[in-house]
PDB file of N, CA and C in Angstrom:
ATOM      1  N   MET A   1      90.494 120.281 128.269  1.00  0.00           N
ATOM      2  CA  MET A   1      90.822 118.932 127.838  1.00  0.00           C
ATOM      3  C   MET A   1      90.586 117.918 128.952  1.00  0.00           C
ATOM      4  N   ALA A   2      90.834 118.318 130.201  1.00  0.00           N
ATOM      5  CA  ALA A   2      90.628 117.396 131.329  1.00  0.00           C
ATOM      6  C   ALA A   2      89.175 116.968 131.428  1.00  0.00           C
ATOM      7  N   GLU A   3      88.254 117.903 131.139  1.00  0.00           N
ATOM      8  CA  GLU A   3      86.830 117.546 131.174  1.00  0.00           C
ATOM      9  C   GLU A   3      86.525 116.496 130.123  1.00  0.00           C
ATOM     10  N   LYS A   4      87.093 116.626 128.931  1.00  0.00           N
ATOM     11  CA  LYS A   4      86.888 115.664 127.860  1.00  0.00           C
ATOM     12  C   LYS A   4      87.391 114.286 128.274  1.00  0.00           C
ATOM     13  N   ARG A   5      88.574 114.248 128.889  1.00  0.00           N
ATOM     14  CA  ARG A   5      89.143 112.974 129.296  1.00  0.00           C
ATOM     15  C   ARG A   5      88.293 112.307 130.360  1.00  0.00           C
ATOM     16  N   GLY A   6      87.788 113.087 131.307  1.00  0.00           N
ATOM     17  CA  GLY A   6      86.929 112.526 132.344  1.00  0.00           C
ATOM     18  C   GLY A   6      85.662 111.945 131.746  1.00  0.00           C
ATOM     19  N   SER A   7      85.081 112.649 130.803  1.00  0.00           N
ATOM     20  CA  SER A   7      83.884 112.172 130.119  1.00  0.00           C
ATOM     21  C   SER A   7      84.192 110.916 129.322  1.00  0.00           C
ATOM     22  N   TRP A   8      85.333 110.908 128.662  1.00  0.00           N
ATOM     23  CA  TRP A   8      85.784 109.760 127.859  1.00  0.00           C
ATOM     24  C   TRP A   8      85.948 108.538 128.745  1.00  0.00           C
ATOM     25  N   ARG A   9      86.598 108.712 129.884  1.00  0.00           N
ATOM     26  CA  ARG A   9      86.796 107.592 130.811  1.00  0.00           C
ATOM     27  C   ARG A   9      85.467 107.081 131.351  1.00  0.00           C
ATOM     28  N   ALA A  10      84.585 107.994 131.705  1.00  0.00           N
ATOM     29  CA  ALA A  10      83.280 107.601 132.237  1.00  0.00           C
ATOM     30  C   ALA A  10      82.489 106.815 131.200  1.00  0.00           C
ATOM     31  N   THR A  11      82.561 107.226 129.946  1.00  0.00           N
ATOM     32  CA  THR A  11      81.860 106.517 128.875  1.00  0.00           C
ATOM     33  C   THR A  11      82.407 105.104 128.719  1.00  0.00           C
ATOM     34  N   ILE A  12      83.722 104.967 128.742  1.00  0.00           N
ATOM     35  CA  ILE A  12      84.342 103.640 128.617  1.00  0.00           C
ATOM     36  C   ILE A  12      83.913 102.754 129.772  1.00  0.00           C
ATOM     37  N   ARG A  13      83.983 103.279 130.980  1.00  0.00           N
ATOM     38  CA  ARG A  13      83.614 102.473 132.153  1.00  0.00           C
ATOM     39  C   ARG A  13      82.138 102.059 132.108  1.00  0.00           C
ATOM     40  N   GLU A  14      81.275 102.969 131.704  1.00  0.00           N
ATOM     41  CA  GLU A  14      79.841 102.651 131.632  1.00  0.00           C
ATOM     42  C   GLU A  14      79.573 101.600 130.562  1.00  0.00           C
ATOM     43  N   ASP A  15      80.186 101.740 129.412  1.00  0.00           N
ATOM     44  CA  ASP A  15      79.981 100.765 128.336  1.00  0.00           C
ATOM     45  C   ASP A  15      80.523  99.391 128.721  1.00  0.00           C
ATOM     46  N   ARG A  16      81.672  99.372 129.388  1.00  0.00           N
ATOM     47  CA  ARG A  16      82.218  98.090 129.849  1.00  0.00           C
ATOM     48  C   ARG A  16      81.292  97.448 130.881  1.00  0.00           C
ATOM     49  N   LYS A  17      80.734  98.243 131.756  1.00  0.00           N
ATOM     50  CA  LYS A  17      79.800  97.732 132.767  1.00  0.00           C
ATOM     51  C   LYS A  17      78.599  97.079 132.083  1.00  0.00           C
ATOM     52  N   ARG A  18      78.052  97.747 131.103  1.00  0.00           N
ATOM     53  CA  ARG A  18      76.893  97.201 130.371  1.00  0.00           C
ATOM     54  C   ARG A  18      77.256  95.921 129.629  1.00  0.00           C
ATOM     55  N   LEU A  19      78.426  95.913 129.013  1.00  0.00           N
ATOM     56  CA  LEU A  19      78.869  94.722 128.302  1.00  0.00           C
ATOM     57  C   LEU A  19      79.077  93.564 129.273  1.00  0.00           C
ATOM     58  N   ARG A  20      79.737  93.839 130.391  1.00  0.00           N
ATOM     59  CA  ARG A  20      79.973  92.801 131.393  1.00  0.00           C
ATOM     60  C   ARG A  20      78.650  92.232 131.907  1.00  0.00           C
ATOM     61  N   GLN A  21      77.673  93.100 132.173  1.00  0.00           N
ATOM     62  CA  GLN A  21      76.359  92.647 132.636  1.00  0.00           C
ATOM     63  C   GLN A  21      75.678  91.774 131.588  1.00  0.00           C
ATOM     64  N   ALA A  22      75.760  92.174 130.335  1.00  0.00           N
ATOM     65  CA  ALA A  22      75.136  91.387 129.265  1.00  0.00           C
ATOM     66  C   ALA A  22      75.787  90.012 129.161  1.00  0.00           C
ATOM     67  N   LEU A  23      77.117  89.965 129.288  1.00  0.00           N
ATOM     68  CA  LEU A  23      77.811  88.682 129.196  1.00  0.00           C
ATOM     69  C   LEU A  23      77.558  87.812 130.424  1.00  0.00           C
ATOM     70  N   GLU A  24      77.342  88.431 131.578  1.00  0.00           N
ATOM     71  CA  GLU A  24      77.010  87.657 132.778  1.00  0.00           C
ATOM     72  C   GLU A  24      75.595  87.086 132.685  1.00  0.00           C
ATOM     73  N   GLU A  25      74.678  87.870 132.136  1.00  0.00           N
ATOM     74  CA  GLU A  25      73.291  87.418 131.990  1.00  0.00           C
ATOM     75  C   GLU A  25      73.153  86.360 130.899  1.00  0.00           C
ATOM     76  N   SER A  26      73.987  86.457 129.879  1.00  0.00           N
ATOM     77  CA  SER A  26      73.941  85.515 128.756  1.00  0.00           C
ATOM     78  C   SER A  26      75.361  85.096 128.387  1.00  0.00           C
ATOM     79  N   PRO A  27      75.953  84.183 129.157  1.00  0.00           N
ATOM     80  CA  PRO A  27      77.332  83.775 128.892  1.00  0.00           C
ATOM     81  C   PRO A  27      77.548  83.229 127.480  1.00  0.00           C
ATOM     82  N   SER A  28      76.498  82.743 126.866  1.00  0.00           N
ATOM     83  CA  SER A  28      76.643  82.212 125.505  1.00  0.00           C
ATOM     84  C   SER A  28      76.980  83.315 124.493  1.00  0.00           C
ATOM     85  N   LEU A  29      76.849  84.580 124.896  1.00  0.00           N
ATOM     86  CA  LEU A  29      77.188  85.691 124.001  1.00  0.00           C
ATOM     87  C   LEU A  29      78.696  85.938 123.898  1.00  0.00           C
ATOM     88  N   LYS A  30      79.465  85.418 124.844  1.00  0.00           N
ATOM     89  CA  LYS A  30      80.899  85.714 124.851  1.00  0.00           C
ATOM     90  C   LYS A  30      81.598  85.293 123.553  1.00  0.00           C
ATOM     91  N   PRO A  31      81.333  84.086 123.022  1.00  0.00           N
ATOM     92  CA  PRO A  31      81.963  83.751 121.735  1.00  0.00           C
ATOM     93  C   PRO A  31      81.556  84.730 120.622  1.00  0.00           C
ATOM     94  N   TYR A  32      80.327  85.204 120.661  1.00  0.00           N
ATOM     95  CA  TYR A  32      79.853  86.169 119.666  1.00  0.00           C
ATOM     96  C   TYR A  32      80.623  87.486 119.798  1.00  0.00           C
ATOM     97  N   PHE A  33      80.886  87.893 121.031  1.00  0.00           N
ATOM     98  CA  PHE A  33      81.681  89.104 121.262  1.00  0.00           C
ATOM     99  C   PHE A  33      83.023  89.002 120.540  1.00  0.00           C
ATOM    100  N   TYR A  34      83.697  87.871 120.711  1.00  0.00           N
ATOM    101  CA  TYR A  34      84.997  87.694 120.053  1.00  0.00           C
ATOM    102  C   TYR A  34      84.850  87.662 118.532  1.00  0.00           C
ATOM    103  N   GLU A  35      83.753  87.121 118.069  1.00  0.00           N
ATOM    104  CA  GLU A  35      83.498  87.026 116.629  1.00  0.00           C
ATOM    105  C   GLU A  35      83.313  88.405 115.993  1.00  0.00           C
ATOM    106  N   VAL A  36      82.624  89.302 116.686  1.00  0.00           N
ATOM    107  CA  VAL A  36      82.298  90.611 116.102  1.00  0.00           C
ATOM    108  C   VAL A  36      83.198  91.738 116.603  1.00  0.00           C
ATOM    109  N   PHE A  37      84.216  91.404 117.376  1.00  0.00           N
ATOM    110  CA  PHE A  37      85.090  92.427 117.944  1.00  0.00           C
ATOM    111  C   PHE A  37      85.639  93.367 116.866  1.00  0.00           C
ATOM    112  N   GLY A  38      86.131  92.822 115.778  1.00  0.00           N
ATOM    113  CA  GLY A  38      86.679  93.636 114.690  1.00  0.00           C
ATOM    114  C   GLY A  38      85.637  94.548 114.066  1.00  0.00           C
ATOM    115  N   LEU A  39      84.435  94.032 113.877  1.00  0.00           N
ATOM    116  CA  LEU A  39      83.351  94.856 113.315  1.00  0.00           C
ATOM    117  C   LEU A  39      82.977  95.995 114.263  1.00  0.00           C
ATOM    118  N   CYS A  40      82.989  95.694 115.552  1.00  0.00           N
ATOM    119  CA  CYS A  40      82.687  96.732 116.547  1.00  0.00           C
ATOM    120  C   CYS A  40      83.763  97.814 116.527  1.00  0.00           C
ATOM    121  N   TYR A  41      85.014  97.402 116.338  1.00  0.00           N
ATOM    122  CA  TYR A  41      86.086  98.386 116.244  1.00  0.00           C
ATOM    123  C   TYR A  41      85.891  99.271 115.013  1.00  0.00           C
ATOM    124  N   ASP A  42      85.467  98.689 113.909  1.00  0.00           N
ATOM    125  CA  ASP A  42      85.198  99.484 112.705  1.00  0.00           C
ATOM    126  C   ASP A  42      84.162 100.568 113.003  1.00  0.00           C
ATOM    127  N   ASP A  43      83.106 100.194 113.710  1.00  0.00           N
ATOM    128  CA  ASP A  43      82.082 101.172 114.100  1.00  0.00           C
ATOM    129  C   ASP A  43      82.668 102.231 115.026  1.00  0.00           C
ATOM    130  N   ALA A  44      83.494 101.790 115.967  1.00  0.00           N
ATOM    131  CA  ALA A  44      84.077 102.711 116.950  1.00  0.00           C
ATOM    132  C   ALA A  44      85.000 103.732 116.292  1.00  0.00           C
ATOM    133  N   ARG A  45      85.762 103.305 115.292  1.00  0.00           N
ATOM    134  CA  ARG A  45      86.652 104.275 114.651  1.00  0.00           C
ATOM    135  C   ARG A  45      85.858 105.332 113.872  1.00  0.00           C
ATOM    136  N   LEU A  46      84.723 104.948 113.314  1.00  0.00           N
ATOM    137  CA  LEU A  46      83.871 105.948 112.657  1.00  0.00           C
ATOM    138  C   LEU A  46      83.315 106.932 113.674  1.00  0.00           C
ATOM    139  N   LEU A  47      82.868 106.410 114.808  1.00  0.00           N
ATOM    140  CA  LEU A  47      82.364 107.290 115.871  1.00  0.00           C
ATOM    141  C   LEU A  47      83.466 108.206 116.401  1.00  0.00           C
ATOM    142  N   ALA A  48      84.671 107.659 116.575  1.00  0.00           N
ATOM    143  CA  ALA A  48      85.792 108.463 117.063  1.00  0.00           C
ATOM    144  C   ALA A  48      86.138 109.567 116.064  1.00  0.00           C
ATOM    145  N   ALA A  49      86.097 109.246 114.789  1.00  0.00           N
ATOM    146  CA  ALA A  49      86.374 110.255 113.762  1.00  0.00           C
ATOM    147  C   ALA A  49      85.317 111.365 113.815  1.00  0.00           C
ATOM    148  N   ASP A  50      84.068 110.987 113.971  1.00  0.00           N
ATOM    149  CA  ASP A  50      83.001 111.986 114.074  1.00  0.00           C
ATOM    150  C   ASP A  50      83.184 112.854 115.316  1.00  0.00           C
ATOM    151  N   GLU A  51      83.480 112.210 116.435  1.00  0.00           N
ATOM    152  CA  GLU A  51      83.608 112.924 117.715  1.00  0.00           C
ATOM    153  C   GLU A  51      84.796 113.881 117.716  1.00  0.00           C
ATOM    154  N   THR A  52      85.911 113.449 117.136  1.00  0.00           N
ATOM    155  CA  THR A  52      87.129 114.256 117.163  1.00  0.00           C
ATOM    156  C   THR A  52      87.276 115.159 115.942  1.00  0.00           C
ATOM    157  N   GLU A  53      86.437 114.927 114.935  1.00  0.00           N
ATOM    158  CA  GLU A  53      86.509 115.648 113.665  1.00  0.00           C
ATOM    159  C   GLU A  53      87.855 115.411 112.960  1.00  0.00           C
ATOM    160  N   LEU A  54      88.433 114.232 113.219  1.00  0.00           N
ATOM    161  CA  LEU A  54      89.645 113.817 112.527  1.00  0.00           C
ATOM    162  C   LEU A  54      89.262 112.865 111.402  1.00  0.00           C
ATOM    163  N   ASP A  55      90.132 112.746 110.406  1.00  0.00           N
ATOM    164  CA  ASP A  55      89.886 111.803 109.326  1.00  0.00           C
ATOM    165  C   ASP A  55      89.930 110.380 109.877  1.00  0.00           C
ATOM    166  N   VAL A  56      89.016 109.544 109.453  1.00  0.00           N
ATOM    167  CA  VAL A  56      88.946 108.170 109.953  1.00  0.00           C
ATOM    168  C   VAL A  56      90.245 107.416 109.692  1.00  0.00           C
ATOM    169  N   ALA A  57      90.977 107.798 108.652  1.00  0.00           N
ATOM    170  CA  ALA A  57      92.226 107.120 108.316  1.00  0.00           C
ATOM    171  C   ALA A  57      93.285 107.269 109.408  1.00  0.00           C
ATOM    172  N   ILE A  58      93.144 108.269 110.265  1.00  0.00           N
ATOM    173  CA  ILE A  58      94.120 108.456 111.342  1.00  0.00           C
ATOM    174  C   ILE A  58      94.026 107.352 112.396  1.00  0.00           C
ATOM    175  N   PHE A  59      92.882 106.701 112.463  1.00  0.00           N
ATOM    176  CA  PHE A  59      92.683 105.600 113.400  1.00  0.00           C
ATOM    177  C   PHE A  59      93.035 104.299 112.683  1.00  0.00           C
ATOM    178  N   GLY A  60      93.839 103.497 113.302  1.00  0.00           N
ATOM    179  CA  GLY A  60      94.274 102.253 112.683  1.00  0.00           C
ATOM    180  C   GLY A  60      93.121 101.385 112.217  1.00  0.00           C
ATOM    181  N   GLU A  61      93.367 100.599 111.193  1.00  0.00           N
ATOM    182  CA  GLU A  61      92.325  99.722 110.665  1.00  0.00           C
ATOM    183  C   GLU A  61      92.015  98.564 111.593  1.00  0.00           C
ATOM    184  N   GLN A  62      92.962  98.238 112.477  1.00  0.00           N
ATOM    185  CA  GLN A  62      92.733  97.187 113.473  1.00  0.00           C
ATOM    186  C   GLN A  62      92.886  97.798 114.854  1.00  0.00           C
ATOM    187  N   SER A  63      92.134  97.281 115.786  1.00  0.00           N
ATOM    188  CA  SER A  63      92.180  97.787 117.154  1.00  0.00           C
ATOM    189  C   SER A  63      93.590  97.656 117.735  1.00  0.00           C
ATOM    190  N   PRO A  64      94.089  98.715 118.377  1.00  0.00           N
ATOM    191  CA  PRO A  64      95.376  98.607 119.044  1.00  0.00           C
ATOM    192  C   PRO A  64      95.272  97.866 120.380  1.00  0.00           C
ATOM    193  N   PHE A  65      94.055  97.483 120.740  1.00  0.00           N
ATOM    194  CA  PHE A  65      93.793  96.802 122.005  1.00  0.00           C
ATOM    195  C   PHE A  65      93.223  95.417 121.743  1.00  0.00           C
ATOM    196  N   THR A  66      93.520  94.508 122.619  1.00  0.00           N
ATOM    197  CA  THR A  66      92.967  93.163 122.497  1.00  0.00           C
ATOM    198  C   THR A  66      91.531  93.156 123.015  1.00  0.00           C
ATOM    199  N   SER A  67      90.812  92.119 122.659  1.00  0.00           N
ATOM    200  CA  SER A  67      89.439  91.983 123.175  1.00  0.00           C
ATOM    201  C   SER A  67      89.470  91.839 124.695  1.00  0.00           C
ATOM    202  N   GLU A  68      90.512  91.194 125.240  1.00  0.00           N
ATOM    203  CA  GLU A  68      90.636  91.047 126.691  1.00  0.00           C
ATOM    204  C   GLU A  68      90.842  92.398 127.363  1.00  0.00           C
ATOM    205  N   GLN A  69      91.668  93.254 126.771  1.00  0.00           N
ATOM    206  CA  GLN A  69      91.857  94.600 127.321  1.00  0.00           C
ATOM    207  C   GLN A  69      90.544  95.376 127.300  1.00  0.00           C
ATOM    208  N   THR A  70      89.784  95.184 126.249  1.00  0.00           N
ATOM    209  CA  THR A  70      88.519  95.884 126.106  1.00  0.00           C
ATOM    210  C   THR A  70      87.549  95.515 127.222  1.00  0.00           C
ATOM    211  N   LEU A  71      87.595  94.277 127.660  1.00  0.00           N
ATOM    212  CA  LEU A  71      86.709  93.824 128.736  1.00  0.00           C
ATOM    213  C   LEU A  71      87.255  94.118 130.137  1.00  0.00           C
ATOM    214  N   ASP A  72      88.531  94.415 130.245  1.00  0.00           N
ATOM    215  CA  ASP A  72      89.176  94.631 131.539  1.00  0.00           C
ATOM    216  C   ASP A  72      88.711  95.947 132.161  1.00  0.00           C
ATOM    217  N   PRO A  73      88.015  95.889 133.307  1.00  0.00           N
ATOM    218  CA  PRO A  73      87.487  97.116 133.912  1.00  0.00           C
ATOM    219  C   PRO A  73      88.578  98.079 134.386  1.00  0.00           C
ATOM    220  N   ASP A  74      89.796  97.595 134.557  1.00  0.00           N
ATOM    221  CA  ASP A  74      90.881  98.446 135.042  1.00  0.00           C
ATOM    222  C   ASP A  74      91.782  98.989 133.934  1.00  0.00           C
ATOM    223  N   PHE A  75      91.564  98.541 132.707  1.00  0.00           N
ATOM    224  CA  PHE A  75      92.425  98.974 131.609  1.00  0.00           C
ATOM    225  C   PHE A  75      91.911 100.276 131.013  1.00  0.00           C
ATOM    226  N   LEU A  76      92.772 101.282 131.037  1.00  0.00           N
ATOM    227  CA  LEU A  76      92.497 102.537 130.339  1.00  0.00           C
ATOM    228  C   LEU A  76      93.763 102.885 129.551  1.00  0.00           C
ATOM    229  N   PRO A  77      93.656 102.990 128.248  1.00  0.00           N
ATOM    230  CA  PRO A  77      94.843 103.273 127.442  1.00  0.00           C
ATOM    231  C   PRO A  77      95.376 104.671 127.701  1.00  0.00           C
ATOM    232  N   GLU A  78      96.658 104.827 127.503  1.00  0.00           N
ATOM    233  CA  GLU A  78      97.268 106.144 127.580  1.00  0.00           C
ATOM    234  C   GLU A  78      97.180 106.746 126.183  1.00  0.00           C
ATOM    235  N   VAL A  79      96.245 107.642 126.007  1.00  0.00           N
ATOM    236  CA  VAL A  79      95.936 108.193 124.687  1.00  0.00           C
ATOM    237  C   VAL A  79      97.163 108.821 124.039  1.00  0.00           C
ATOM    238  N   GLU A  80      97.959 109.499 124.823  1.00  0.00           N
ATOM    239  CA  GLU A  80      99.125 110.185 124.266  1.00  0.00           C
ATOM    240  C   GLU A  80     100.109 109.213 123.633  1.00  0.00           C
ATOM    241  N   LYS A  81     100.108 107.949 124.051  1.00  0.00           N
ATOM    242  CA  LYS A  81     101.083 106.980 123.557  1.00  0.00           C
ATOM    243  C   LYS A  81     100.585 106.177 122.363  1.00  0.00           C
ATOM    244  N   LEU A  82      99.349 106.377 121.944  1.00  0.00           N
ATOM    245  CA  LEU A  82      98.828 105.628 120.800  1.00  0.00           C
ATOM    246  C   LEU A  82      99.496 106.138 119.523  1.00  0.00           C
ATOM    247  N   ASN A  83      99.750 105.224 118.632  1.00  0.00           N
ATOM    248  CA  ASN A  83     100.414 105.577 117.375  1.00  0.00           C
ATOM    249  C   ASN A  83      99.411 105.783 116.263  1.00  0.00           C
ATOM    250  N   TYR A  84      98.599 106.773 116.381  1.00  0.00           N
ATOM    251  CA  TYR A  84      97.635 107.085 115.316  1.00  0.00           C
ATOM    252  C   TYR A  84      98.209 108.161 114.443  1.00  0.00           C
TER     253      TYR A  84
END
């Protein structure tokens, strides 16, 4: 399980890095990020269901994290404490 968590954290950090770079290169995209945040979460819950082989319904219909937390390079949720 520790290997999975390390991989999970690395994926989050890499994706945040790419997102941050895209927003730095094109600051006009930031309002669009906020606009599509919910749609991106919908995609993410489908991917999470596929990855974990859990029913998609176990993942909340709305993100348990704010868009600001999602962009925060130091924020990593405590998976055990999520109410899924």
